[in-house]
Amino acid sequence: MKYLFFDIECSVVSKKFAKICAFGYCLTDEKFHILEKEDLLINPQGGFHLTDRQGKQGLVLPYKYDDFKKYPTFLDYAEKIYDLLQDEHTLVAGHATMNDVKYLNFESQRFKLPPFRFEFADTQFVYMNYKKDFSRQFGLGSIAEELGVEFVAHRAVDDAYATMKIAEAMCAAEGLDFPALLEKYRITKGKIENYEITQNTSVAFTEYKKEQERRREERDKRKAEFYIFADREKRKRAKDGRLKNKTVCFSHGLETELPLSKRLLSAAYAQGATFTSHAEACDLYVCFDNESGPRLKSVQARNARIFTPEQFSQYLTTQE
């Protein structure tokens, strides 16, 4: 068996299309000895428009954009790319592979080519299983830095090489070849067929998602209980007090800590406060000191007073 590690760069990406400008790959044997390594530079037949999610300047590719007019088109390279990816004796892998596979879908449709059909592993997903951490995405650069792999980011062939070195490092650490590593973590490879894409999954990831869903449901349950409490207790709100004409809001994290949030809200009501669930409408905002997010930013933008639960409790009991 051979291993094919690949990476794709595009000149433009949208929700409905992408134009591939580079297909980099690193083909190895089962011992990760490099058999072929190449950067296929492709004329995207259009300009380069790379922006971030806000529509501002995005990544800059380490290529001379004007040179791409001289290169073959995707159609010219199609047979080679199909052969590389669809070889039945090759295990295909990328990093955050779903995006690259999606780009292949777009281009095959754009040029009216047959749909791609192959299975693929995702070293980002394998690494998440390896680290037993599904709470965040691990970038190629951060993993490569940890493993001492040097490469030029966003040069497709270098990204493919770094992807290969990451897989090699994990296999070496476990004393396994790549297929056995996938088997150890009970990873099911992703697949593209008939323009449909299925992502990688694993037993551990499935259990993680179930636990996340259980926690979400529990948080929603506690949050609903808090709002029922807030609505019921507001009838007991004092007509006067030091917080009369002041509106209090709690962070979502604090709302679900029921004994604490109920105690603080009752104390605030006792001093005439009004409660709101809308952070942008409050005068006093209470949150844990490690919290962040848009709600806190909206409060900071309005210069509302911000307290930790401990500070707010002290504020309620201190005479000014």
C-alpha atoms as a PDB file:
ATOM      1  CA  MET A   1       0.000   0.000   0.000  1.00  0.00           C
ATOM      2  CA  LYS A   2       1.041   3.583  -0.694  1.00  0.00           C
ATOM      3  CA  TYR A   3       0.059   6.743   1.172  1.00  0.00           C
ATOM      4  CA  LEU A   4      -0.964   9.908  -0.659  1.00  0.00           C
ATOM      5  CA  PHE A   5      -0.956  13.139   1.352  1.00  0.00           C
ATOM      6  CA  PHE A   6      -2.421  16.079  -0.530  1.00  0.00           C
ATOM      7  CA  ASP A   7      -3.328  19.712  -0.088  1.00  0.00           C
ATOM      8  CA  ILE A   8      -5.218  22.198  -2.243  1.00  0.00           C
ATOM      9  CA  GLU A   9      -5.023  25.967  -2.547  1.00  0.00           C
ATOM     10  CA  CYS A  10      -7.619  28.069  -4.337  1.00  0.00           C
ATOM     11  CA  SER A  11      -7.624  31.493  -5.954  1.00  0.00           C
ATOM     12  CA  VAL A  12     -11.187  32.119  -4.804  1.00  0.00           C
ATOM     13  CA  VAL A  13     -13.625  30.297  -2.542  1.00  0.00           C
ATOM     14  CA  SER A  14     -17.332  30.776  -1.976  1.00  0.00           C
ATOM     15  CA  LYS A  15     -20.192  28.641  -0.726  1.00  0.00           C
ATOM     16  CA  LYS A  16     -21.008  27.477  -4.248  1.00  0.00           C
ATOM     17  CA  PHE A  17     -17.694  27.327  -6.087  1.00  0.00           C
ATOM     18  CA  ALA A  18     -13.919  27.316  -5.721  1.00  0.00           C
ATOM     19  CA  LYS A  19     -11.123  27.621  -8.268  1.00  0.00           C
ATOM     20  CA  ILE A  20      -8.138  25.419  -7.533  1.00  0.00           C
ATOM     21  CA  CYS A  21      -4.748  26.980  -8.251  1.00  0.00           C
ATOM     22  CA  ALA A  22      -2.453  24.403  -6.621  1.00  0.00           C
ATOM     23  CA  PHE A  23      -2.635  20.679  -5.949  1.00  0.00           C
ATOM     24  CA  GLY A  24       0.317  19.591  -3.844  1.00  0.00           C
ATOM     25  CA  TYR A  25       0.966  15.984  -2.987  1.00  0.00           C
ATOM     26  CA  CYS A  26       3.445  13.717  -1.296  1.00  0.00           C
ATOM     27  CA  LEU A  27       3.268  10.038  -2.240  1.00  0.00           C
ATOM     28  CA  THR A  28       5.044   7.584   0.077  1.00  0.00           C
ATOM     29  CA  ASP A  29       5.401   3.900   0.752  1.00  0.00           C
ATOM     30  CA  GLU A  30       4.193   2.301   3.995  1.00  0.00           C
ATOM     31  CA  LYS A  31       7.398   3.425   5.756  1.00  0.00           C
ATOM     32  CA  PHE A  32       6.790   7.063   4.757  1.00  0.00           C
ATOM     33  CA  HIS A  33       9.638   7.022   2.246  1.00  0.00           C
ATOM     34  CA  ILE A  34       8.816   9.647  -0.364  1.00  0.00           C
ATOM     35  CA  LEU A  35       8.143   8.240  -3.825  1.00  0.00           C
ATOM     36  CA  GLU A  36       6.847  11.423  -5.452  1.00  0.00           C
ATOM     37  CA  LYS A  37       6.484  14.987  -4.259  1.00  0.00           C
ATOM     38  CA  GLU A  38       5.077  17.685  -6.528  1.00  0.00           C
ATOM     39  CA  ASP A  39       3.269  21.006  -6.596  1.00  0.00           C
ATOM     40  CA  LEU A  40       0.860  21.074  -9.538  1.00  0.00           C
ATOM     41  CA  LEU A  41       0.323  24.772 -10.233  1.00  0.00           C
ATOM     42  CA  ILE A  42      -2.959  25.359 -12.029  1.00  0.00           C
ATOM     43  CA  ASN A  43      -4.363  28.267 -13.988  1.00  0.00           C
ATOM     44  CA  PRO A  44      -7.626  29.029 -12.129  1.00  0.00           C
ATOM     45  CA  GLN A  45      -8.857  31.031 -15.126  1.00  0.00           C
ATOM     46  CA  GLY A  46      -9.685  34.020 -13.014  1.00  0.00           C
ATOM     47  CA  GLY A  47      -8.269  36.452 -10.510  1.00  0.00           C
ATOM     48  CA  PHE A  48      -7.239  35.869  -6.905  1.00  0.00           C
ATOM     49  CA  HIS A  49      -9.843  36.999  -4.378  1.00  0.00           C
ATOM     50  CA  LEU A  50      -8.911  35.595  -0.981  1.00  0.00           C
ATOM     51  CA  THR A  51     -10.815  37.153   1.894  1.00  0.00           C
ATOM     52  CA  ASP A  52     -11.704  36.213   5.440  1.00  0.00           C
ATOM     53  CA  ARG A  53     -15.234  35.677   6.752  1.00  0.00           C
ATOM     54  CA  GLN A  54     -15.759  39.424   7.143  1.00  0.00           C
ATOM     55  CA  GLY A  55     -14.855  40.002   3.498  1.00  0.00           C
ATOM     56  CA  LYS A  56     -11.525  41.610   4.395  1.00  0.00           C
ATOM     57  CA  GLN A  57      -8.037  40.624   3.288  1.00  0.00           C
ATOM     58  CA  GLY A  58      -7.515  36.937   3.874  1.00  0.00           C
ATOM     59  CA  LEU A  59      -4.507  34.681   3.495  1.00  0.00           C
ATOM     60  CA  VAL A  60      -1.749  35.471   1.038  1.00  0.00           C
ATOM     61  CA  LEU A  61      -0.430  32.488  -0.923  1.00  0.00           C
ATOM     62  CA  PRO A  62       3.355  32.153  -1.283  1.00  0.00           C
ATOM     63  CA  TYR A  63       3.194  32.263  -5.084  1.00  0.00           C
ATOM     64  CA  LYS A  64       3.471  34.959  -7.762  1.00  0.00           C
ATOM     65  CA  TYR A  65      -0.134  35.339  -8.827  1.00  0.00           C
ATOM     66  CA  ASP A  66       0.691  36.679 -12.294  1.00  0.00           C
ATOM     67  CA  ASP A  67       2.543  33.455 -13.146  1.00  0.00           C
ATOM     68  CA  PHE A  68      -0.605  31.355 -12.929  1.00  0.00           C
ATOM     69  CA  LYS A  69      -1.790  32.517 -16.349  1.00  0.00           C
ATOM     70  CA  LYS A  70       1.036  30.430 -17.848  1.00  0.00           C
ATOM     71  CA  TYR A  71       0.090  27.169 -16.124  1.00  0.00           C
ATOM     72  CA  PRO A  72      -2.193  24.348 -17.345  1.00  0.00           C
ATOM     73  CA  THR A  73      -5.832  24.370 -16.255  1.00  0.00           C
ATOM     74  CA  PHE A  74      -7.489  21.933 -13.870  1.00  0.00           C
ATOM     75  CA  LEU A  75      -8.888  20.135 -16.890  1.00  0.00           C
ATOM     76  CA  ASP A  76      -5.331  19.566 -18.145  1.00  0.00           C
ATOM     77  CA  TYR A  77      -4.300  18.005 -14.826  1.00  0.00           C
ATOM     78  CA  ALA A  78      -7.553  16.161 -14.181  1.00  0.00           C
ATOM     79  CA  GLU A  79      -6.429  12.706 -15.329  1.00  0.00           C
ATOM     80  CA  LYS A  80      -3.328  12.825 -13.118  1.00  0.00           C
ATOM     81  CA  ILE A  81      -5.277  14.062 -10.080  1.00  0.00           C
ATOM     82  CA  TYR A  82      -8.024  11.450 -10.527  1.00  0.00           C
ATOM     83  CA  ASP A  83      -5.406   8.690 -10.870  1.00  0.00           C
ATOM     84  CA  LEU A  84      -3.569   9.792  -7.733  1.00  0.00           C
ATOM     85  CA  LEU A  85      -6.674  10.033  -5.561  1.00  0.00           C
ATOM     86  CA  GLN A  86      -8.581   7.029  -6.869  1.00  0.00           C
ATOM     87  CA  ASP A  87      -5.795   4.439  -6.897  1.00  0.00           C
ATOM     88  CA  GLU A  88      -7.301   1.495  -4.999  1.00  0.00           C
ATOM     89  CA  HIS A  89      -3.899   0.623  -3.527  1.00  0.00           C
ATOM     90  CA  THR A  90      -3.376   4.070  -1.999  1.00  0.00           C
ATOM     91  CA  LEU A  91      -4.527   5.430   1.347  1.00  0.00           C
ATOM     92  CA  VAL A  92      -5.408   9.099   0.792  1.00  0.00           C
ATOM     93  CA  ALA A  93      -5.060  11.693   3.555  1.00  0.00           C
ATOM     94  CA  GLY A  94      -5.093  15.439   4.047  1.00  0.00           C
ATOM     95  CA  HIS A  95      -5.362  17.923   6.891  1.00  0.00           C
ATOM     96  CA  ALA A  96      -8.833  19.394   7.503  1.00  0.00           C
ATOM     97  CA  THR A  97      -9.615  17.360   4.392  1.00  0.00           C
ATOM     98  CA  MET A  98     -13.303  18.187   4.106  1.00  0.00           C
ATOM     99  CA  ASN A  99     -12.523  21.592   2.588  1.00  0.00           C
ATOM    100  CA  ASP A 100     -10.162  20.179  -0.036  1.00  0.00           C
ATOM    101  CA  VAL A 101     -12.605  17.436  -0.989  1.00  0.00           C
ATOM    102  CA  LYS A 102     -15.329  20.050  -1.343  1.00  0.00           C
ATOM    103  CA  TYR A 103     -13.084  22.023  -3.716  1.00  0.00           C
ATOM    104  CA  LEU A 104     -12.587  18.898  -5.828  1.00  0.00           C
ATOM    105  CA  ASN A 105     -16.360  18.542  -6.030  1.00  0.00           C
ATOM    106  CA  PHE A 106     -16.734  22.111  -7.241  1.00  0.00           C
ATOM    107  CA  GLU A 107     -14.074  21.752  -9.911  1.00  0.00           C
ATOM    108  CA  SER A 108     -15.359  18.423 -11.233  1.00  0.00           C
ATOM    109  CA  GLN A 109     -18.786  20.017 -11.622  1.00  0.00           C
ATOM    110  CA  ARG A 110     -17.350  23.185 -13.126  1.00  0.00           C
ATOM    111  CA  PHE A 111     -15.536  21.248 -15.845  1.00  0.00           C
ATOM    112  CA  LYS A 112     -18.330  18.648 -16.227  1.00  0.00           C
ATOM    113  CA  LEU A 113     -16.031  15.815 -15.171  1.00  0.00           C
ATOM    114  CA  PRO A 114     -17.059  12.532 -13.531  1.00  0.00           C
ATOM    115  CA  PRO A 115     -17.523  12.798  -9.750  1.00  0.00           C
ATOM    116  CA  PHE A 116     -14.549  11.854  -7.624  1.00  0.00           C
ATOM    117  CA  ARG A 117     -14.816   8.583  -5.743  1.00  0.00           C
ATOM    118  CA  PHE A 118     -12.354   7.755  -2.961  1.00  0.00           C
ATOM    119  CA  GLU A 119     -12.020   7.415   0.810  1.00  0.00           C
ATOM    120  CA  PHE A 120      -9.799   9.712   2.821  1.00  0.00           C
ATOM    121  CA  ALA A 121      -8.294  10.112   6.270  1.00  0.00           C
ATOM    122  CA  ASP A 122      -7.925  13.487   7.966  1.00  0.00           C
ATOM    123  CA  THR A 123      -4.736  13.995  10.004  1.00  0.00           C
ATOM    124  CA  GLN A 124      -6.366  16.833  11.913  1.00  0.00           C
ATOM    125  CA  PHE A 125      -9.097  14.450  13.038  1.00  0.00           C
ATOM    126  CA  VAL A 126      -6.592  11.658  13.709  1.00  0.00           C
ATOM    127  CA  TYR A 127      -4.591  14.089  15.862  1.00  0.00           C
ATOM    128  CA  MET A 128      -7.723  15.019  17.823  1.00  0.00           C
ATOM    129  CA  ASN A 129      -8.232  11.324  18.593  1.00  0.00           C
ATOM    130  CA  TYR A 130      -4.516  10.924  19.345  1.00  0.00           C
ATOM    131  CA  LYS A 131      -4.646  13.842  21.837  1.00  0.00           C
ATOM    132  CA  LYS A 132      -8.095  12.823  23.101  1.00  0.00           C
ATOM    133  CA  ASP A 133      -9.184  16.421  22.598  1.00  0.00           C
ATOM    134  CA  PHE A 134     -12.193  17.239  20.402  1.00  0.00           C
ATOM    135  CA  SER A 135     -12.820  20.656  21.921  1.00  0.00           C
ATOM    136  CA  ARG A 136     -10.965  22.592  19.207  1.00  0.00           C
ATOM    137  CA  GLN A 137      -9.507  22.371  15.726  1.00  0.00           C
ATOM    138  CA  PHE A 138      -5.734  21.851  15.558  1.00  0.00           C
ATOM    139  CA  GLY A 139      -4.098  23.835  12.762  1.00  0.00           C
ATOM    140  CA  LEU A 140      -1.413  22.312  10.581  1.00  0.00           C
ATOM    141  CA  GLY A 141       1.078  24.948  11.684  1.00  0.00           C
ATOM    142  CA  SER A 142       0.597  24.431  15.412  1.00  0.00           C
ATOM    143  CA  ILE A 143       0.930  20.648  15.151  1.00  0.00           C
ATOM    144  CA  ALA A 144       3.969  20.936  12.884  1.00  0.00           C
ATOM    145  CA  GLU A 145       5.625  23.336  15.328  1.00  0.00           C
ATOM    146  CA  GLU A 146       5.012  20.915  18.191  1.00  0.00           C
ATOM    147  CA  LEU A 147       6.542  18.073  16.178  1.00  0.00           C
ATOM    148  CA  GLY A 148       9.443  20.135  14.805  1.00  0.00           C
ATOM    149  CA  VAL A 149       8.306  20.031  11.169  1.00  0.00           C
ATOM    150  CA  GLU A 150       9.440  23.032   9.084  1.00  0.00           C
ATOM    151  CA  PHE A 151       7.438  24.045   6.022  1.00  0.00           C
ATOM    152  CA  VAL A 152       6.108  27.039   4.072  1.00  0.00           C
ATOM    153  CA  ALA A 153       2.475  27.498   5.070  1.00  0.00           C
ATOM    154  CA  HIS A 154      -0.079  27.482   2.223  1.00  0.00           C
ATOM    155  CA  ARG A 155       2.401  26.219  -0.349  1.00  0.00           C
ATOM    156  CA  ALA A 156       0.369  23.181  -1.311  1.00  0.00           C
ATOM    157  CA  VAL A 157       3.227  20.702  -1.633  1.00  0.00           C
ATOM    158  CA  ASP A 158       4.733  21.876   1.667  1.00  0.00           C
ATOM    159  CA  ASP A 159       1.373  21.526   3.429  1.00  0.00           C
ATOM    160  CA  ALA A 160       1.105  18.010   1.985  1.00  0.00           C
ATOM    161  CA  TYR A 161       4.620  17.219   3.235  1.00  0.00           C
ATOM    162  CA  ALA A 162       3.843  18.576   6.707  1.00  0.00           C
ATOM    163  CA  THR A 163       0.660  16.482   6.741  1.00  0.00           C
ATOM    164  CA  MET A 164       2.743  13.412   5.942  1.00  0.00           C
ATOM    165  CA  LYS A 165       5.251  14.196   8.723  1.00  0.00           C
ATOM    166  CA  ILE A 166       2.425  14.589  11.238  1.00  0.00           C
ATOM    167  CA  ALA A 167       1.030  11.179  10.285  1.00  0.00           C
ATOM    168  CA  GLU A 168       4.526   9.686  10.456  1.00  0.00           C
ATOM    169  CA  ALA A 169       5.143  11.158  13.920  1.00  0.00           C
ATOM    170  CA  MET A 170       1.870   9.778  15.305  1.00  0.00           C
ATOM    171  CA  CYS A 171       2.587   6.352  13.801  1.00  0.00           C
ATOM    172  CA  ALA A 172       6.095   6.346  15.275  1.00  0.00           C
ATOM    173  CA  ALA A 173       4.776   7.310  18.703  1.00  0.00           C
ATOM    174  CA  GLU A 174       2.268   4.457  18.623  1.00  0.00           C
ATOM    175  CA  GLY A 175       4.553   1.945  16.891  1.00  0.00           C
ATOM    176  CA  LEU A 176       1.956   1.381  14.166  1.00  0.00           C
ATOM    177  CA  ASP A 177       1.577   1.880  10.455  1.00  0.00           C
ATOM    178  CA  PHE A 178      -1.028   4.359   9.246  1.00  0.00           C
ATOM    179  CA  PRO A 179      -3.935   1.928   8.674  1.00  0.00           C
ATOM    180  CA  ALA A 180      -3.319   0.370  12.087  1.00  0.00           C
ATOM    181  CA  LEU A 181      -3.306   3.823  13.682  1.00  0.00           C
ATOM    182  CA  LEU A 182      -6.749   4.510  12.203  1.00  0.00           C
ATOM    183  CA  GLU A 183      -7.909   1.122  13.440  1.00  0.00           C
ATOM    184  CA  LYS A 184      -6.575   1.716  16.955  1.00  0.00           C
ATOM    185  CA  TYR A 185      -8.636   4.883  17.286  1.00  0.00           C
ATOM    186  CA  ARG A 186     -11.575   3.203  15.550  1.00  0.00           C
ATOM    187  CA  ILE A 187     -11.666   5.897  12.905  1.00  0.00           C
ATOM    188  CA  THR A 188     -13.953   5.529   9.919  1.00  0.00           C
ATOM    189  CA  LYS A 189     -12.499   7.307   6.900  1.00  0.00           C
ATOM    190  CA  GLY A 190     -14.439   9.967   5.055  1.00  0.00           C
ATOM    191  CA  LYS A 191     -15.700   9.392   1.545  1.00  0.00           C
ATOM    192  CA  ILE A 192     -16.598  11.303  -1.600  1.00  0.00           C
ATOM    193  CA  GLU A 193     -18.898   9.663  -4.122  1.00  0.00           C
ATOM    194  CA  ASN A 194     -21.515  10.998  -6.534  1.00  0.00           C
ATOM    195  CA  TYR A 195     -20.726  14.524  -5.306  1.00  0.00           C
ATOM    196  CA  GLU A 196     -21.735  13.511  -1.755  1.00  0.00           C
ATOM    197  CA  ILE A 197     -19.143  13.892   0.990  1.00  0.00           C
ATOM    198  CA  THR A 198     -19.051  11.984   4.282  1.00  0.00           C
ATOM    199  CA  GLN A 199     -16.651  13.185   6.954  1.00  0.00           C
ATOM    200  CA  ASN A 200     -14.324  11.154   9.156  1.00  0.00           C
ATOM    201  CA  THR A 201     -15.733   9.872  12.413  1.00  0.00           C
ATOM    202  CA  SER A 202     -14.672   7.699  15.315  1.00  0.00           C
ATOM    203  CA  VAL A 203     -16.107   5.955  18.352  1.00  0.00           C
ATOM    204  CA  ALA A 204     -14.432   8.465  20.688  1.00  0.00           C
ATOM    205  CA  PHE A 205     -15.741  11.435  18.714  1.00  0.00           C
ATOM    206  CA  THR A 206     -19.262  10.013  18.681  1.00  0.00           C
ATOM    207  CA  GLU A 207     -19.131   9.608  22.453  1.00  0.00           C
ATOM    208  CA  TYR A 208     -17.793  13.144  22.805  1.00  0.00           C
ATOM    209  CA  LYS A 209     -20.681  14.525  20.745  1.00  0.00           C
ATOM    210  CA  LYS A 210     -23.189  12.580  22.824  1.00  0.00           C
ATOM    211  CA  GLU A 211     -21.691  13.986  26.019  1.00  0.00           C
ATOM    212  CA  GLN A 212     -21.733  17.503  24.572  1.00  0.00           C
ATOM    213  CA  GLU A 213     -25.396  17.094  23.679  1.00  0.00           C
ATOM    214  CA  ARG A 214     -26.182  15.785  27.159  1.00  0.00           C
ATOM    215  CA  ARG A 215     -24.456  18.785  28.722  1.00  0.00           C
ATOM    216  CA  ARG A 216     -26.237  21.176  26.383  1.00  0.00           C
ATOM    217  CA  GLU A 217     -29.607  19.716  27.293  1.00  0.00           C
ATOM    218  CA  GLU A 218     -28.732  19.964  30.991  1.00  0.00           C
ATOM    219  CA  ARG A 219     -27.647  23.603  30.580  1.00  0.00           C
ATOM    220  CA  ASP A 220     -30.860  24.413  28.709  1.00  0.00           C
ATOM    221  CA  LYS A 221     -32.859  22.783  31.482  1.00  0.00           C
ATOM    222  CA  ARG A 222     -31.098  24.807  34.195  1.00  0.00           C
ATOM    223  CA  LYS A 223     -31.396  27.988  32.140  1.00  0.00           C
ATOM    224  CA  ALA A 224     -35.147  27.483  31.747  1.00  0.00           C
ATOM    225  CA  GLU A 225     -35.450  26.883  35.492  1.00  0.00           C
ATOM    226  CA  PHE A 226     -33.569  30.127  36.188  1.00  0.00           C
ATOM    227  CA  TYR A 227     -35.865  32.189  33.940  1.00  0.00           C
ATOM    228  CA  ILE A 228     -38.940  30.691  35.571  1.00  0.00           C
ATOM    229  CA  PHE A 229     -37.429  31.645  38.932  1.00  0.00           C
ATOM    230  CA  ALA A 230     -36.614  35.176  37.714  1.00  0.00           C
ATOM    231  CA  ASP A 231     -40.149  35.707  36.439  1.00  0.00           C
ATOM    232  CA  ARG A 232     -41.731  34.385  39.629  1.00  0.00           C
ATOM    233  CA  GLU A 233     -39.448  36.246  42.036  1.00  0.00           C
ATOM    234  CA  LYS A 234     -39.795  39.642  40.331  1.00  0.00           C
ATOM    235  CA  ARG A 235     -43.185  39.939  42.005  1.00  0.00           C
ATOM    236  CA  LYS A 236     -41.293  40.252  45.281  1.00  0.00           C
ATOM    237  CA  ARG A 237     -39.045  43.026  43.963  1.00  0.00           C
ATOM    238  CA  ALA A 238     -38.698  45.906  46.398  1.00  0.00           C
ATOM    239  CA  LYS A 239     -40.261  49.189  45.337  1.00  0.00           C
ATOM    240  CA  ASP A 240     -37.258  51.120  46.644  1.00  0.00           C
ATOM    241  CA  GLY A 241     -33.624  50.342  47.302  1.00  0.00           C
ATOM    242  CA  ARG A 242     -30.132  51.283  46.165  1.00  0.00           C
ATOM    243  CA  LEU A 243     -30.677  49.411  42.851  1.00  0.00           C
ATOM    244  CA  LYS A 244     -33.954  51.114  42.001  1.00  0.00           C
ATOM    245  CA  ASN A 245     -33.906  52.072  38.305  1.00  0.00           C
ATOM    246  CA  LYS A 246     -30.935  49.753  37.737  1.00  0.00           C
ATOM    247  CA  THR A 247     -31.139  46.781  35.398  1.00  0.00           C
ATOM    248  CA  VAL A 248     -29.128  43.644  36.125  1.00  0.00           C
ATOM    249  CA  CYS A 249     -28.069  40.947  33.681  1.00  0.00           C
ATOM    250  CA  PHE A 250     -26.200  37.677  34.287  1.00  0.00           C
ATOM    251  CA  SER A 251     -23.950  35.854  31.854  1.00  0.00           C
ATOM    252  CA  HIS A 252     -25.291  32.592  30.456  1.00  0.00           C
ATOM    253  CA  GLY A 253     -22.639  30.715  32.403  1.00  0.00           C
ATOM    254  CA  LEU A 254     -23.777  32.279  35.674  1.00  0.00           C
ATOM    255  CA  GLU A 255     -27.479  31.785  34.924  1.00  0.00           C
ATOM    256  CA  THR A 256     -27.018  28.015  34.864  1.00  0.00           C
ATOM    257  CA  GLU A 257     -25.244  27.932  38.249  1.00  0.00           C
ATOM    258  CA  LEU A 258     -28.628  27.808  39.926  1.00  0.00           C
ATOM    259  CA  PRO A 259     -27.945  28.115  43.656  1.00  0.00           C
ATOM    260  CA  LEU A 260     -25.596  31.057  43.063  1.00  0.00           C
ATOM    261  CA  SER A 261     -27.623  32.828  40.387  1.00  0.00           C
ATOM    262  CA  LYS A 262     -30.869  32.490  42.331  1.00  0.00           C
ATOM    263  CA  ARG A 263     -29.260  33.870  45.492  1.00  0.00           C
ATOM    264  CA  LEU A 264     -27.732  36.860  43.689  1.00  0.00           C
ATOM    265  CA  LEU A 265     -30.938  37.673  41.815  1.00  0.00           C
ATOM    266  CA  SER A 266     -33.042  37.479  44.969  1.00  0.00           C
ATOM    267  CA  ALA A 267     -30.625  39.881  46.673  1.00  0.00           C
ATOM    268  CA  ALA A 268     -30.759  42.243  43.689  1.00  0.00           C
ATOM    269  CA  TYR A 269     -34.567  42.161  43.660  1.00  0.00           C
ATOM    270  CA  ALA A 270     -34.545  42.940  47.375  1.00  0.00           C
ATOM    271  CA  GLN A 271     -32.767  46.194  46.551  1.00  0.00           C
ATOM    272  CA  GLY A 272     -35.150  47.217  43.785  1.00  0.00           C
ATOM    273  CA  ALA A 273     -33.259  45.987  40.724  1.00  0.00           C
ATOM    274  CA  THR A 274     -34.886  45.001  37.446  1.00  0.00           C
ATOM    275  CA  PHE A 275     -33.641  41.878  35.671  1.00  0.00           C
ATOM    276  CA  THR A 276     -33.078  41.510  31.931  1.00  0.00           C
ATOM    277  CA  SER A 277     -31.753  38.664  29.819  1.00  0.00           C
ATOM    278  CA  HIS A 278     -30.460  41.157  27.227  1.00  0.00           C
ATOM    279  CA  ALA A 279     -26.892  42.181  27.972  1.00  0.00           C
ATOM    280  CA  GLU A 280     -27.106  45.237  25.740  1.00  0.00           C
ATOM    281  CA  ALA A 281     -29.891  46.667  27.946  1.00  0.00           C
ATOM    282  CA  CYS A 282     -28.320  46.307  31.398  1.00  0.00           C
ATOM    283  CA  ASP A 283     -26.601  48.694  33.773  1.00  0.00           C
ATOM    284  CA  LEU A 284     -24.946  45.977  35.858  1.00  0.00           C
ATOM    285  CA  TYR A 285     -23.519  42.794  34.352  1.00  0.00           C
ATOM    286  CA  VAL A 286     -22.397  39.812  36.423  1.00  0.00           C
ATOM    287  CA  CYS A 287     -20.147  37.103  34.994  1.00  0.00           C
ATOM    288  CA  PHE A 288     -17.288  34.819  35.937  1.00  0.00           C
ATOM    289  CA  ASP A 289     -13.846  36.397  35.516  1.00  0.00           C
ATOM    290  CA  ASN A 290     -12.759  33.900  32.824  1.00  0.00           C
ATOM    291  CA  GLU A 291     -15.695  34.586  30.520  1.00  0.00           C
ATOM    292  CA  SER A 292     -15.604  36.314  27.138  1.00  0.00           C
ATOM    293  CA  GLY A 293     -17.791  36.589  24.072  1.00  0.00           C
ATOM    294  CA  PRO A 294     -20.147  39.016  22.318  1.00  0.00           C
ATOM    295  CA  ARG A 295     -22.405  39.570  25.345  1.00  0.00           C
ATOM    296  CA  LEU A 296     -19.503  40.791  27.440  1.00  0.00           C
ATOM    297  CA  LYS A 297     -18.208  42.934  24.581  1.00  0.00           C
ATOM    298  CA  SER A 298     -21.585  44.624  24.189  1.00  0.00           C
ATOM    299  CA  VAL A 299     -21.573  45.429  27.915  1.00  0.00           C
ATOM    300  CA  GLN A 300     -18.037  46.801  27.742  1.00  0.00           C
ATOM    301  CA  ALA A 301     -18.959  48.943  24.729  1.00  0.00           C
ATOM    302  CA  ARG A 302     -21.738  50.567  26.772  1.00  0.00           C
ATOM    303  CA  ASN A 303     -19.475  51.097  29.801  1.00  0.00           C
ATOM    304  CA  ALA A 304     -21.884  49.232  32.037  1.00  0.00           C
ATOM    305  CA  ARG A 305     -20.484  48.084  35.378  1.00  0.00           C
ATOM    306  CA  ILE A 306     -19.138  44.555  35.364  1.00  0.00           C
ATOM    307  CA  PHE A 307     -18.869  42.333  38.437  1.00  0.00           C
ATOM    308  CA  THR A 308     -17.769  38.833  39.266  1.00  0.00           C
ATOM    309  CA  PRO A 309     -20.309  36.983  41.450  1.00  0.00           C
ATOM    310  CA  GLU A 310     -18.115  37.634  44.492  1.00  0.00           C
ATOM    311  CA  GLN A 311     -17.829  41.347  43.690  1.00  0.00           C
ATOM    312  CA  PHE A 312     -21.558  41.657  43.066  1.00  0.00           C
ATOM    313  CA  SER A 313     -22.384  39.908  46.339  1.00  0.00           C
ATOM    314  CA  GLN A 314     -20.100  42.317  48.172  1.00  0.00           C
ATOM    315  CA  TYR A 315     -21.567  45.273  46.276  1.00  0.00           C
ATOM    316  CA  LEU A 316     -25.061  44.280  47.384  1.00  0.00           C
ATOM    317  CA  THR A 317     -24.054  44.214  51.031  1.00  0.00           C
ATOM    318  CA  THR A 318     -21.799  47.300  51.098  1.00  0.00           C
ATOM    319  CA  GLN A 319     -23.163  50.731  51.772  1.00  0.00           C
ATOM    320  CA  GLU A 320     -21.850  53.440  49.428  1.00  0.00           C
END
